[in-house]
Protein backbone atom coordinates (compact mmCIF):
# COMPACT_ATOMS: atom_id res chain seq x y z
CA UNK A 1 114.13 98.58 83.15
CA UNK A 2 116.26 98.19 86.20
CA UNK A 3 113.37 99.27 88.60
CA UNK A 4 111.15 96.62 86.82
CA UNK A 5 113.78 93.85 87.17
CA UNK A 6 114.60 94.93 90.77
CA UNK A 7 110.63 94.81 91.81
CA UNK A 8 110.36 91.52 90.16
CA UNK A 9 113.32 89.99 91.76
CA UNK A 10 112.40 91.29 95.17
CA UNK A 11 108.99 89.84 94.94
CA UNK A 12 110.50 86.54 93.92
CA UNK A 13 112.77 86.58 96.99
CA UNK A 14 110.03 87.60 99.34
CA UNK A 15 107.72 84.79 98.02
CA UNK A 16 110.51 82.30 98.63
CA UNK A 17 111.16 83.74 102.22
CA UNK A 18 107.45 83.43 103.04
CA UNK A 19 107.44 79.82 102.33
CA UNK A 20 110.68 79.07 104.21
CA UNK A 21 110.33 81.31 107.43
CA UNK A 22 107.80 80.06 109.68
CA UNK A 23 105.14 82.28 111.03
CA UNK A 24 105.37 83.30 114.83
CA UNK A 25 101.94 82.47 116.64
CA UNK A 26 100.25 85.71 118.20
CA UNK A 27 102.70 87.91 116.34
CA UNK A 28 101.00 91.30 114.80
CA UNK A 29 102.69 93.94 112.78
CA UNK A 30 100.97 97.31 112.85
CA UNK A 31 101.75 99.83 110.11
CA UNK A 32 101.77 103.41 110.55
CA UNK A 33 99.86 105.93 108.18
CA UNK A 34 101.59 106.03 104.80
CA UNK A 35 104.62 104.55 106.82
CA UNK A 36 105.34 107.80 108.27
CA UNK A 37 102.72 108.90 110.79
CA UNK A 38 101.95 107.22 114.24
CA UNK A 39 98.38 108.38 114.89
CA UNK A 40 94.75 107.67 114.67
CA UNK A 41 93.55 104.09 114.38
CA UNK A 42 97.16 102.50 114.15
CA UNK A 43 98.24 104.47 117.19
CA UNK A 44 95.27 103.30 119.12
CA UNK A 45 95.35 99.87 118.33
CA UNK A 46 99.04 99.28 118.77
CA UNK A 47 98.85 101.01 122.30
CA UNK A 48 95.90 98.81 123.33
CA UNK A 49 97.47 95.63 122.02
CA UNK A 50 100.40 96.38 124.09
CA UNK A 51 98.45 95.84 127.17
CA UNK A 52 97.60 92.03 126.21
CA UNK A 53 100.33 90.06 127.39
CA UNK A 54 100.26 87.12 125.13
CA UNK A 55 100.54 89.09 121.84
CA UNK A 56 103.86 89.93 120.21
CA UNK A 57 102.79 93.37 118.67
CA UNK A 58 105.40 95.34 116.60
CA UNK A 59 104.79 98.85 114.73
CA UNK A 60 106.17 99.11 111.36
CA UNK A 61 107.34 102.49 110.02
CA UNK A 62 109.44 103.54 107.02
CA UNK A 63 110.35 107.01 108.64
CA UNK A 64 113.85 106.63 110.26
CA UNK A 65 113.18 109.60 112.52
CA UNK A 66 109.81 108.48 113.81
CA UNK A 67 111.51 105.01 114.27
CA UNK A 68 114.17 106.74 116.51
CA UNK A 69 111.55 108.62 118.46
CA UNK A 70 109.09 105.73 118.99
CA UNK A 71 111.67 103.24 119.70
CA UNK A 72 112.78 105.20 123.01
CA UNK A 73 109.10 105.07 123.87
CA UNK A 74 108.33 101.49 123.13
CA UNK A 75 111.72 99.76 123.21
CA UNK A 76 111.90 96.66 120.95
CA UNK A 77 108.45 97.10 119.81
CA UNK A 78 109.08 99.31 116.89
CA UNK A 79 110.37 98.40 113.66
CA UNK A 80 112.26 100.12 110.69
CA UNK A 81 110.74 98.77 107.47
CA UNK A 82 113.98 98.81 105.66
CA UNK A 83 116.09 97.00 108.35
CA UNK A 84 116.78 93.34 108.25
CA UNK A 85 114.90 92.91 111.85
CA UNK A 86 112.08 95.02 110.46
CA UNK A 87 111.96 92.84 107.12
CA UNK A 88 112.14 89.66 109.34
CA UNK A 89 109.39 90.44 111.86
CA UNK A 90 107.22 91.59 108.73
CA UNK A 91 107.57 88.08 107.13
CA UNK A 92 107.20 86.19 110.42
CA UNK A 93 104.00 88.06 111.42
CA UNK A 94 100.72 86.17 111.58
CA UNK A 95 98.81 89.22 111.27
CA UNK A 96 99.45 92.72 109.37
CA UNK A 97 97.23 95.49 110.48
CA UNK A 98 97.05 98.27 107.74
CA UNK A 99 95.15 101.60 108.27
CA UNK A 100 95.39 103.37 105.01
CA UNK A 101 96.47 100.95 102.30
CA UNK A 102 99.74 99.61 100.59
CA UNK A 103 101.60 102.89 101.08
CA UNK A 104 101.60 101.94 104.96
CA UNK A 105 103.95 98.94 104.52
CA UNK A 106 106.72 97.52 102.36
CA UNK A 107 105.20 97.24 98.84
CA UNK A 108 105.80 93.35 98.37
CA UNK A 109 102.66 91.27 98.51
CA UNK A 110 102.39 88.92 101.48
CA UNK A 111 100.41 86.16 100.82
CA UNK A 112 100.51 83.82 103.71
CA UNK A 113 99.48 86.58 106.33
CA UNK A 114 96.06 87.46 107.49
CA UNK A 115 95.69 91.10 106.60
CA UNK A 116 93.10 93.48 108.46
CA UNK A 117 92.45 97.05 107.50
CA UNK A 118 91.40 99.55 110.11
CA UNK A 119 89.11 102.26 108.85
CA UNK A 120 87.35 104.56 111.13
CA UNK A 121 87.67 102.23 113.98
CA UNK A 122 85.92 99.19 112.10
CA UNK A 123 87.89 96.23 110.84
CA UNK A 124 87.94 95.10 107.13
CA UNK A 125 89.27 92.09 105.75
């Protein structure tokens, strides 16, 4: 019962935050595989996007150890999903790039972002 109430409350809070918090132009959040693995399409896309100077690209992970490791390699570009900064950048992102599905990111529906799914090097909406 508590989980149901918490999930419903969290969804309401996220819904309101998305209405209030403005989107940041050229801001992209790339998720990791199931939130824990930095590899495959998400890794290739994230590294390539770093070379485009007018984009603000962040990598979102639910794995604290992975966050610590990657944050030293990509300072200020890696977000821990359960931190305030991670949640804020996630809400502010104009585009969220997902590689494997809902397990990649925070399980609250984002309705004001453009969502992209990368599968086998192809982009799907």
